[in-house]
């Protein structure tokens, strides 16, 4: 049986879509779970970048979440860059593009980046998109967005306890795993 070009294209599309959904899920909800410090030990909703960053195929368990210094990670000089290596960078939004932040974190060896809104009370999500500089394909790590309120509370707890990191699981896919969601009392889910 000979397949027409249209049917062949449709079959290839279906196969690629199926592979994508296996990796990404269809309507998945992603979360970051803080294990330490205890006072922010909750499950926080996160969203992946829209058109840049690595395809997220691994979940990182009991990995360190390291607040970048400078908080916005806009400079290629990150004072605590050595501590970000093989860990997840926690970065504040603002000052430069999301792509720049991700590339700077990756340059120091971060395995993923979580960018939180720079508005302390922000309880909404924004879509992280590329910056139009054609560098989107250079980002080789997963990049996630977190509400401002959540990012600030985690950063403050790390500083309050005189810690350098938080211990987290990221990402947690609620639709494909059985996960007990411990919602922060300040977040409207």
N, C-alpha and C. Protein backbone atom coordinates (compact mmCIF):
# COMPACT_ATOMS: atom_id res chain seq x y z
N UNK A 1 0.84 -1.18 0.00
CA UNK A 1 0.00 0.00 0.00
C UNK A 1 0.89 1.24 0.00
N UNK A 2 0.61 2.15 -0.90
CA UNK A 2 1.38 3.39 -1.00
C UNK A 2 0.59 4.49 -0.32
N UNK A 3 1.27 5.23 0.55
CA UNK A 3 0.63 6.29 1.31
C UNK A 3 0.81 7.62 0.58
N UNK A 4 -0.24 8.42 0.53
CA UNK A 4 -0.14 9.73 -0.11
C UNK A 4 0.74 10.65 0.73
N UNK A 5 1.24 11.71 0.10
CA UNK A 5 2.10 12.67 0.81
C UNK A 5 1.36 13.29 1.98
N UNK A 6 0.08 13.58 1.82
CA UNK A 6 -0.72 14.20 2.89
C UNK A 6 -0.85 13.23 4.07
N UNK A 7 -1.16 11.97 3.79
CA UNK A 7 -1.30 10.98 4.86
C UNK A 7 0.05 10.72 5.55
N UNK A 8 1.13 10.70 4.76
CA UNK A 8 2.46 10.52 5.32
C UNK A 8 2.80 11.67 6.26
N UNK A 9 2.54 12.89 5.82
CA UNK A 9 2.81 14.07 6.66
C UNK A 9 1.97 14.02 7.92
N UNK A 10 0.70 13.65 7.80
CA UNK A 10 -0.17 13.55 8.97
C UNK A 10 0.34 12.48 9.94
N UNK A 11 0.80 11.35 9.40
CA UNK A 11 1.33 10.27 10.25
C UNK A 11 2.58 10.72 11.00
N UNK A 12 3.48 11.40 10.30
CA UNK A 12 4.70 11.91 10.95
C UNK A 12 4.33 12.92 12.03
N UNK A 13 3.39 13.82 11.73
CA UNK A 13 2.95 14.81 12.71
C UNK A 13 2.40 14.12 13.96
N UNK A 14 1.57 13.09 13.77
CA UNK A 14 0.98 12.38 14.89
C UNK A 14 2.06 11.71 15.74
N UNK A 15 3.05 11.12 15.10
CA UNK A 15 4.14 10.48 15.82
C UNK A 15 4.92 11.50 16.64
N UNK A 16 5.25 12.63 16.02
CA UNK A 16 5.99 13.68 16.73
C UNK A 16 5.18 14.26 17.88
N UNK A 17 3.89 14.48 17.65
CA UNK A 17 3.03 14.98 18.71
C UNK A 17 2.96 13.98 19.87
N UNK A 18 2.84 12.71 19.55
CA UNK A 18 2.80 11.68 20.59
C UNK A 18 4.08 11.67 21.40
N UNK A 19 5.23 11.79 20.73
CA UNK A 19 6.51 11.84 21.45
C UNK A 19 6.58 13.07 22.34
N UNK A 20 6.14 14.21 21.82
CA UNK A 20 6.14 15.45 22.60
C UNK A 20 5.27 15.29 23.85
N UNK A 21 4.08 14.73 23.69
CA UNK A 21 3.18 14.58 24.82
C UNK A 21 3.70 13.58 25.84
N UNK A 22 4.46 12.59 25.40
CA UNK A 22 5.08 11.65 26.33
C UNK A 22 6.08 12.37 27.23
N UNK A 23 6.82 13.30 26.65
CA UNK A 23 7.82 14.04 27.42
C UNK A 23 7.18 15.15 28.23
N UNK A 24 6.27 15.92 27.60
CA UNK A 24 5.72 17.12 28.24
C UNK A 24 4.40 16.90 28.95
N UNK A 25 3.65 15.91 28.59
CA UNK A 25 2.30 15.77 29.11
C UNK A 25 1.37 16.69 28.35
N UNK A 26 0.09 16.47 28.44
CA UNK A 26 -0.83 17.29 27.66
C UNK A 26 -1.23 18.53 28.42
N UNK A 27 -1.85 18.39 29.56
CA UNK A 27 -2.25 19.53 30.37
C UNK A 27 -1.58 19.41 31.74
N UNK A 28 -0.32 19.15 31.74
CA UNK A 28 0.36 18.88 32.99
C UNK A 28 0.46 20.11 33.86
N UNK A 29 0.45 19.86 35.13
CA UNK A 29 0.70 20.90 36.10
C UNK A 29 2.06 20.59 36.71
N UNK A 30 2.92 21.59 36.75
CA UNK A 30 4.26 21.39 37.28
C UNK A 30 4.40 22.13 38.60
N UNK A 31 5.20 21.52 39.48
CA UNK A 31 5.39 22.09 40.81
C UNK A 31 6.84 21.98 41.23
N UNK A 32 7.21 22.84 42.14
CA UNK A 32 8.50 22.79 42.83
C UNK A 32 8.15 22.52 44.29
N UNK A 33 8.75 21.50 44.85
CA UNK A 33 8.48 21.13 46.23
C UNK A 33 9.69 21.48 47.08
N UNK A 34 9.50 22.35 48.07
CA UNK A 34 10.57 22.71 49.00
C UNK A 34 10.56 21.71 50.15
N UNK A 35 11.73 21.12 50.41
CA UNK A 35 11.89 20.19 51.53
C UNK A 35 12.51 20.89 52.74
N UNK A 36 13.40 21.82 52.49
CA UNK A 36 14.05 22.65 53.53
C UNK A 36 14.28 24.03 52.94
N UNK A 37 14.20 25.10 53.69
CA UNK A 37 13.89 25.20 55.12
C UNK A 37 12.42 24.90 55.41
N UNK A 38 12.22 24.47 56.62
CA UNK A 38 10.92 23.93 57.02
C UNK A 38 9.79 24.96 56.93
N UNK A 39 10.05 26.22 57.23
CA UNK A 39 8.96 27.20 57.26
C UNK A 39 8.40 27.54 55.88
N UNK A 40 9.05 27.12 54.82
CA UNK A 40 8.51 27.29 53.46
C UNK A 40 8.37 25.93 52.77
N UNK A 41 8.18 24.91 53.57
CA UNK A 41 8.06 23.54 53.06
C UNK A 41 6.66 23.33 52.47
N UNK A 42 6.52 23.79 51.24
CA UNK A 42 5.26 23.71 50.52
C UNK A 42 5.53 23.27 49.08
N UNK A 43 4.46 23.04 48.35
CA UNK A 43 4.53 22.69 46.93
C UNK A 43 4.07 23.90 46.14
N UNK A 44 4.95 24.45 45.30
CA UNK A 44 4.69 25.69 44.58
C UNK A 44 4.47 25.40 43.09
N UNK A 45 3.46 26.03 42.53
CA UNK A 45 3.21 25.87 41.10
C UNK A 45 4.28 26.63 40.30
N UNK A 46 4.77 26.01 39.23
CA UNK A 46 5.73 26.64 38.33
C UNK A 46 5.26 26.43 36.89
N UNK A 47 5.77 27.24 35.99
CA UNK A 47 5.43 27.11 34.56
C UNK A 47 6.71 27.11 33.74
N UNK A 48 6.81 26.24 32.74
CA UNK A 48 8.01 26.21 31.90
C UNK A 48 8.03 27.38 30.92
N UNK A 49 9.23 27.74 30.49
CA UNK A 49 9.39 28.76 29.44
C UNK A 49 8.67 28.28 28.19
N UNK A 50 8.16 29.22 27.41
CA UNK A 50 7.35 28.88 26.24
C UNK A 50 8.17 28.45 25.03
N UNK A 51 9.22 29.18 24.69
CA UNK A 51 9.92 28.87 23.43
C UNK A 51 11.43 28.82 23.57
N UNK A 52 11.89 28.52 24.75
CA UNK A 52 13.32 28.31 24.94
C UNK A 52 13.52 27.41 26.15
N UNK A 53 14.74 26.93 26.30
CA UNK A 53 15.05 26.03 27.40
C UNK A 53 14.95 24.59 26.96
N UNK A 54 15.66 23.74 27.66
CA UNK A 54 15.71 22.32 27.32
C UNK A 54 14.38 21.65 27.57
N UNK A 55 14.13 20.60 26.83
CA UNK A 55 12.96 19.78 27.11
C UNK A 55 13.21 19.10 28.43
N UNK A 56 12.27 19.24 29.28
CA UNK A 56 12.38 18.75 30.63
C UNK A 56 12.00 17.27 30.65
N UNK A 57 12.99 16.43 30.73
CA UNK A 57 12.70 15.00 30.75
C UNK A 57 13.07 14.37 32.09
N UNK A 58 13.81 15.07 32.89
CA UNK A 58 14.22 14.56 34.19
C UNK A 58 13.61 15.39 35.30
N UNK A 59 13.38 14.73 36.40
CA UNK A 59 12.99 15.42 37.61
C UNK A 59 14.20 15.40 38.53
N UNK A 60 14.48 16.50 39.15
CA UNK A 60 15.60 16.59 40.07
C UNK A 60 15.07 16.41 41.49
N UNK A 61 15.55 15.38 42.17
CA UNK A 61 15.12 15.07 43.53
C UNK A 61 16.20 15.46 44.52
N UNK A 62 15.77 16.10 45.59
CA UNK A 62 16.67 16.53 46.67
C UNK A 62 17.88 17.27 46.10
N UNK A 63 17.59 18.27 45.31
CA UNK A 63 18.64 19.11 44.72
C UNK A 63 18.59 20.48 45.37
N UNK A 64 19.71 21.16 45.37
CA UNK A 64 19.80 22.48 46.00
C UNK A 64 19.26 23.56 45.08
N UNK A 65 18.46 24.45 45.64
CA UNK A 65 17.96 25.64 44.96
C UNK A 65 18.80 26.79 45.50
N UNK A 66 19.59 27.41 44.61
CA UNK A 66 20.58 28.41 45.02
C UNK A 66 20.16 29.79 44.52
N UNK A 67 19.84 30.73 45.44
CA UNK A 67 19.54 32.09 44.99
C UNK A 67 20.80 32.71 44.36
N UNK A 68 20.66 33.25 43.16
CA UNK A 68 21.83 33.83 42.50
C UNK A 68 22.20 35.16 43.15
N UNK A 69 23.47 35.49 43.10
CA UNK A 69 24.00 36.75 43.62
C UNK A 69 24.84 37.38 42.51
N UNK A 70 24.29 38.29 41.80
CA UNK A 70 23.17 39.19 41.93
C UNK A 70 21.86 38.47 41.66
N UNK A 71 20.82 38.96 42.38
CA UNK A 71 19.53 38.29 42.35
C UNK A 71 18.95 38.17 40.95
N UNK A 72 19.22 39.16 40.08
CA UNK A 72 18.62 39.12 38.74
C UNK A 72 19.46 38.36 37.71
N UNK A 73 20.67 37.97 38.05
CA UNK A 73 21.56 37.18 37.18
C UNK A 73 21.71 37.78 35.79
N UNK A 74 21.70 39.12 35.70
CA UNK A 74 21.82 39.78 34.39
C UNK A 74 23.27 39.92 33.94
N UNK A 75 24.19 39.89 34.87
CA UNK A 75 25.60 40.00 34.53
C UNK A 75 26.19 38.61 34.37
N UNK A 76 27.21 38.51 33.55
CA UNK A 76 27.90 37.23 33.43
C UNK A 76 28.74 36.94 34.67
N UNK A 77 28.84 37.92 35.56
CA UNK A 77 29.54 37.72 36.82
C UNK A 77 28.49 37.46 37.90
N UNK A 78 28.37 36.21 38.31
CA UNK A 78 27.49 35.83 39.41
C UNK A 78 28.41 35.47 40.57
N UNK A 79 28.32 36.25 41.64
CA UNK A 79 29.26 36.12 42.76
C UNK A 79 29.30 34.71 43.34
N UNK A 80 28.16 34.06 43.43
CA UNK A 80 28.13 32.71 43.98
C UNK A 80 27.99 31.66 42.87
N UNK A 81 28.54 31.95 41.72
CA UNK A 81 28.44 31.07 40.57
C UNK A 81 28.93 29.66 40.82
N UNK A 82 29.98 29.50 41.62
CA UNK A 82 30.51 28.16 41.90
C UNK A 82 29.49 27.31 42.66
N UNK A 83 28.64 27.96 43.46
CA UNK A 83 27.63 27.22 44.23
C UNK A 83 26.44 26.79 43.37
N UNK A 84 26.29 27.41 42.19
CA UNK A 84 25.19 27.08 41.29
C UNK A 84 25.49 25.82 40.48
N UNK A 85 26.77 25.47 40.35
CA UNK A 85 27.15 24.32 39.53
C UNK A 85 26.44 23.05 40.00
N UNK A 86 25.80 22.36 39.06
CA UNK A 86 25.05 21.12 39.30
C UNK A 86 23.85 21.30 40.23
N UNK A 87 23.37 22.52 40.36
CA UNK A 87 22.21 22.82 41.20
C UNK A 87 21.20 23.61 40.38
N UNK A 88 20.10 24.02 41.01
CA UNK A 88 19.06 24.82 40.37
C UNK A 88 19.23 26.26 40.82
N UNK A 89 19.32 27.18 39.86
CA UNK A 89 19.48 28.60 40.18
C UNK A 89 18.11 29.23 40.41
N UNK A 90 18.00 30.01 41.48
CA UNK A 90 16.79 30.80 41.78
C UNK A 90 17.11 32.24 41.43
N UNK A 91 16.38 32.79 40.47
CA UNK A 91 16.70 34.09 39.88
C UNK A 91 15.47 34.99 39.92
N UNK A 92 15.68 36.27 40.22
CA UNK A 92 14.60 37.24 40.23
C UNK A 92 14.41 37.85 38.85
N UNK A 93 13.18 38.03 38.44
CA UNK A 93 12.83 38.65 37.17
C UNK A 93 13.26 40.12 37.18
N UNK A 94 13.56 40.65 35.99
CA UNK A 94 13.84 42.07 35.83
C UNK A 94 15.29 42.33 35.46
N UNK A 95 15.53 43.47 34.80
CA UNK A 95 16.88 43.91 34.48
C UNK A 95 17.39 43.43 33.13
N UNK A 96 16.95 42.27 32.68
CA UNK A 96 17.38 41.71 31.39
C UNK A 96 16.39 40.62 30.98
N UNK A 97 16.60 40.03 29.85
CA UNK A 97 15.66 39.03 29.34
C UNK A 97 15.78 37.70 30.10
N UNK A 98 14.73 36.91 29.97
CA UNK A 98 14.73 35.57 30.56
C UNK A 98 15.83 34.71 29.94
N UNK A 99 16.05 34.88 28.65
CA UNK A 99 17.08 34.12 27.95
C UNK A 99 18.46 34.44 28.52
N UNK A 100 18.74 35.73 28.74
CA UNK A 100 20.02 36.14 29.31
C UNK A 100 20.22 35.51 30.68
N UNK A 101 19.20 35.55 31.53
CA UNK A 101 19.28 34.95 32.86
C UNK A 101 19.60 33.45 32.77
N UNK A 102 18.87 32.75 31.90
CA UNK A 102 19.07 31.31 31.75
C UNK A 102 20.47 31.00 31.24
N UNK A 103 20.94 31.75 30.25
CA UNK A 103 22.29 31.51 29.72
C UNK A 103 23.36 31.78 30.77
N UNK A 104 23.19 32.82 31.57
CA UNK A 104 24.17 33.11 32.62
C UNK A 104 24.19 32.01 33.67
N UNK A 105 23.02 31.52 34.07
CA UNK A 105 22.97 30.42 35.04
C UNK A 105 23.61 29.16 34.46
N UNK A 106 23.30 28.88 33.20
CA UNK A 106 23.86 27.70 32.56
C UNK A 106 25.37 27.81 32.42
N UNK A 107 25.87 29.01 32.16
CA UNK A 107 27.31 29.22 32.04
C UNK A 107 28.04 28.80 33.32
N UNK A 108 27.38 28.95 34.46
CA UNK A 108 27.97 28.55 35.74
C UNK A 108 27.66 27.10 36.10
N UNK A 109 26.99 26.38 35.20
CA UNK A 109 26.76 24.96 35.42
C UNK A 109 25.45 24.58 36.05
N UNK A 110 24.50 25.52 36.14
CA UNK A 110 23.18 25.18 36.70
C UNK A 110 22.52 24.12 35.83
N UNK A 111 21.77 23.21 36.46
CA UNK A 111 21.06 22.18 35.71
C UNK A 111 19.65 22.63 35.35
N UNK A 112 19.18 23.69 35.98
CA UNK A 112 17.87 24.28 35.70
C UNK A 112 17.85 25.67 36.32
N UNK A 113 16.86 26.46 35.92
CA UNK A 113 16.68 27.80 36.51
C UNK A 113 15.21 28.01 36.82
N UNK A 114 14.96 28.61 37.98
CA UNK A 114 13.62 29.03 38.37
C UNK A 114 13.67 30.54 38.50
N UNK A 115 12.88 31.22 37.70
CA UNK A 115 12.83 32.68 37.72
C UNK A 115 11.53 33.09 38.37
N UNK A 116 11.63 33.93 39.42
CA UNK A 116 10.41 34.38 40.10
C UNK A 116 10.17 35.85 39.81
N UNK A 117 8.90 36.23 39.85
CA UNK A 117 8.50 37.59 39.52
C UNK A 117 9.14 38.58 40.49
N UNK A 118 9.55 39.74 39.97
CA UNK A 118 10.18 40.75 40.82
C UNK A 118 9.16 41.61 41.55
N UNK A 119 7.89 41.37 41.34
CA UNK A 119 6.85 42.05 42.12
C UNK A 119 6.52 41.15 43.30
N UNK A 120 6.84 41.62 44.51
CA UNK A 120 6.76 40.78 45.70
C UNK A 120 5.40 40.16 45.94
N UNK A 121 4.36 40.86 45.60
CA UNK A 121 3.01 40.34 45.87
C UNK A 121 2.35 39.73 44.65
N UNK A 122 3.10 39.57 43.56
CA UNK A 122 2.52 39.02 42.34
C UNK A 122 2.04 37.59 42.59
N UNK A 123 0.78 37.35 42.26
CA UNK A 123 0.22 36.01 42.45
C UNK A 123 -0.24 35.43 41.11
N UNK A 124 0.18 36.05 40.03
CA UNK A 124 -0.19 35.57 38.70
C UNK A 124 1.06 35.11 37.96
N UNK A 125 0.84 34.38 36.90
CA UNK A 125 1.94 33.90 36.07
C UNK A 125 2.04 34.76 34.82
N UNK A 126 3.25 34.85 34.30
CA UNK A 126 3.45 35.45 32.99
C UNK A 126 4.09 34.38 32.12
N UNK A 127 3.95 34.54 30.82
CA UNK A 127 4.58 33.61 29.90
C UNK A 127 6.01 34.06 29.63
N UNK A 128 6.95 33.20 29.94
CA UNK A 128 8.35 33.51 29.62
C UNK A 128 8.59 33.14 28.17
N UNK A 129 8.92 34.13 27.37
CA UNK A 129 9.20 33.89 25.96
C UNK A 129 10.60 34.39 25.65
N UNK A 130 11.11 33.99 24.50
CA UNK A 130 12.45 34.41 24.07
C UNK A 130 12.53 35.92 23.87
N UNK A 131 13.75 36.38 23.69
CA UNK A 131 13.97 37.82 23.57
C UNK A 131 14.21 38.29 22.14
N UNK A 132 14.06 37.40 21.17
CA UNK A 132 14.22 37.79 19.78
C UNK A 132 15.66 37.96 19.33
N UNK A 133 16.61 37.53 20.13
CA UNK A 133 18.03 37.69 19.79
C UNK A 133 18.60 36.46 19.10
N UNK A 134 17.75 35.49 18.82
CA UNK A 134 18.17 34.24 18.20
C UNK A 134 19.06 33.40 19.11
N UNK A 135 19.03 33.67 20.42
CA UNK A 135 19.82 32.88 21.38
C UNK A 135 18.97 31.82 22.08
N UNK A 136 17.68 31.79 21.79
CA UNK A 136 16.77 30.86 22.48
C UNK A 136 17.26 29.42 22.37
N UNK A 137 17.76 29.04 21.21
CA UNK A 137 18.21 27.66 21.00
C UNK A 137 19.50 27.34 21.76
N UNK A 138 20.17 28.35 22.27
CA UNK A 138 21.41 28.13 23.02
C UNK A 138 21.14 27.69 24.46
N UNK A 139 19.93 27.94 24.95
CA UNK A 139 19.60 27.58 26.33
C UNK A 139 19.40 26.07 26.40
N UNK A 140 20.27 25.41 27.14
CA UNK A 140 20.26 23.95 27.21
C UNK A 140 19.76 23.39 28.53
N UNK A 141 19.19 24.24 29.38
CA UNK A 141 18.65 23.79 30.66
C UNK A 141 17.16 24.12 30.72
N UNK A 142 16.39 23.37 31.51
CA UNK A 142 14.98 23.73 31.70
C UNK A 142 14.88 25.05 32.49
N UNK A 143 13.89 25.86 32.12
CA UNK A 143 13.69 27.16 32.78
C UNK A 143 12.21 27.25 33.18
N UNK A 144 11.95 27.63 34.43
CA UNK A 144 10.60 27.69 34.96
C UNK A 144 10.32 29.08 35.54
N UNK A 145 9.04 29.43 35.56
CA UNK A 145 8.62 30.70 36.17
C UNK A 145 7.82 30.39 37.43
N UNK A 146 8.03 31.23 38.46
CA UNK A 146 7.36 31.08 39.74
C UNK A 146 6.77 32.44 40.13
N UNK A 147 5.65 32.42 40.81
CA UNK A 147 5.04 33.67 41.29
C UNK A 147 6.01 34.43 42.20
N UNK A 148 5.90 35.75 42.16
CA UNK A 148 6.77 36.60 42.97
C UNK A 148 6.68 36.33 44.45
N UNK A 149 5.48 36.21 44.94
CA UNK A 149 5.28 35.98 46.36
C UNK A 149 6.00 34.71 46.82
N UNK A 150 5.92 33.65 46.01
CA UNK A 150 6.56 32.39 46.37
C UNK A 150 8.07 32.51 46.36
N UNK A 151 8.61 33.11 45.30
CA UNK A 151 10.06 33.28 45.19
C UNK A 151 10.63 34.11 46.33
N UNK A 152 9.94 35.20 46.67
CA UNK A 152 10.41 36.05 47.77
C UNK A 152 10.37 35.31 49.10
N UNK A 153 9.31 34.56 49.34
CA UNK A 153 9.22 33.83 50.62
C UNK A 153 10.33 32.80 50.74
N UNK A 154 10.62 32.10 49.66
CA UNK A 154 11.70 31.10 49.69
C UNK A 154 13.05 31.80 49.90
N UNK A 155 13.30 32.88 49.15
CA UNK A 155 14.56 33.63 49.30
C UNK A 155 14.73 34.17 50.71
N UNK A 156 13.66 34.75 51.26
CA UNK A 156 13.73 35.29 52.62
C UNK A 156 13.99 34.20 53.65
N UNK A 157 13.35 33.04 53.48
CA UNK A 157 13.55 31.94 54.44
C UNK A 157 14.99 31.45 54.40
N UNK A 158 15.58 31.36 53.21
CA UNK A 158 16.98 30.96 53.10
C UNK A 158 17.87 31.95 53.85
N UNK A 159 17.64 33.24 53.64
CA UNK A 159 18.44 34.28 54.31
C UNK A 159 18.19 34.29 55.82
N UNK A 160 16.93 34.16 56.22
CA UNK A 160 16.57 34.19 57.65
C UNK A 160 17.28 33.09 58.44
N UNK A 161 17.39 31.93 57.84
CA UNK A 161 18.04 30.80 58.51
C UNK A 161 19.54 30.76 58.27
N UNK A 162 20.06 31.80 57.63
CA UNK A 162 21.48 31.92 57.30
C UNK A 162 21.97 30.70 56.51
N UNK A 163 21.12 30.28 55.58
CA UNK A 163 21.46 29.17 54.69
C UNK A 163 21.93 29.73 53.35
N UNK A 164 22.55 28.91 52.56
CA UNK A 164 22.93 29.31 51.21
C UNK A 164 21.99 28.74 50.16
N UNK A 165 21.21 27.71 50.55
CA UNK A 165 20.35 27.03 49.60
C UNK A 165 19.09 26.52 50.28
N UNK A 166 18.14 26.12 49.45
CA UNK A 166 16.98 25.35 49.89
C UNK A 166 17.12 23.97 49.25
N UNK A 167 16.50 22.97 49.84
CA UNK A 167 16.49 21.63 49.27
C UNK A 167 15.12 21.42 48.62
N UNK A 168 15.12 21.02 47.32
CA UNK A 168 13.86 20.94 46.58
C UNK A 168 13.79 19.70 45.70
N UNK A 169 12.58 19.40 45.25
CA UNK A 169 12.30 18.48 44.16
C UNK A 169 11.68 19.32 43.04
N UNK A 170 12.20 19.19 41.83
CA UNK A 170 11.68 19.99 40.71
C UNK A 170 11.98 19.30 39.39
N UNK A 171 11.15 19.35 38.41
CA UNK A 171 9.72 19.63 38.55
C UNK A 171 8.99 18.38 39.01
N UNK A 172 7.88 18.60 39.64
CA UNK A 172 6.98 17.52 40.00
C UNK A 172 5.79 17.66 39.05
N UNK A 173 5.45 16.60 38.39
CA UNK A 173 4.33 16.60 37.45
C UNK A 173 3.15 15.95 38.14
N UNK A 174 2.20 16.75 38.54
CA UNK A 174 1.04 16.27 39.28
C UNK A 174 0.14 15.36 38.46
N UNK A 175 0.08 15.57 37.15
CA UNK A 175 -0.83 14.77 36.32
C UNK A 175 -0.32 13.37 36.07
N UNK A 176 1.00 13.16 36.16
CA UNK A 176 1.56 11.84 35.89
C UNK A 176 2.06 11.12 37.13
N UNK A 177 2.06 11.77 38.26
CA UNK A 177 2.57 11.18 39.49
C UNK A 177 1.58 11.40 40.62
N UNK A 178 1.63 10.52 41.59
CA UNK A 178 0.83 10.73 42.79
C UNK A 178 1.67 11.59 43.72
N UNK A 179 1.23 12.82 43.90
CA UNK A 179 1.97 13.78 44.71
C UNK A 179 1.01 14.42 45.70
N UNK A 180 1.43 14.48 46.94
CA UNK A 180 0.65 15.20 47.93
C UNK A 180 1.04 16.67 47.83
N UNK A 181 0.05 17.49 47.46
CA UNK A 181 0.31 18.91 47.29
C UNK A 181 0.08 19.63 48.60
N UNK A 182 1.11 20.23 49.11
CA UNK A 182 1.05 21.00 50.34
C UNK A 182 1.08 22.47 49.94
N UNK A 183 -0.08 23.01 49.66
CA UNK A 183 -0.23 24.36 49.14
C UNK A 183 0.18 25.42 50.16
N UNK A 184 0.96 26.43 49.71
CA UNK A 184 1.27 27.53 50.61
C UNK A 184 -0.02 28.26 51.01
N UNK A 185 -0.15 28.66 52.25
CA UNK A 185 -1.39 29.30 52.69
C UNK A 185 -1.68 30.63 51.99
N UNK A 186 -0.67 31.25 51.40
CA UNK A 186 -0.85 32.55 50.74
C UNK A 186 -1.19 32.41 49.25
N UNK A 187 -1.11 31.21 48.68
CA UNK A 187 -1.36 31.04 47.25
C UNK A 187 -2.78 30.56 46.97
N UNK A 188 -3.47 31.26 46.08
CA UNK A 188 -4.81 30.83 45.67
C UNK A 188 -4.73 29.80 44.55
N UNK A 189 -4.97 28.54 44.83
CA UNK A 189 -4.95 27.50 43.79
C UNK A 189 -6.35 27.24 43.35
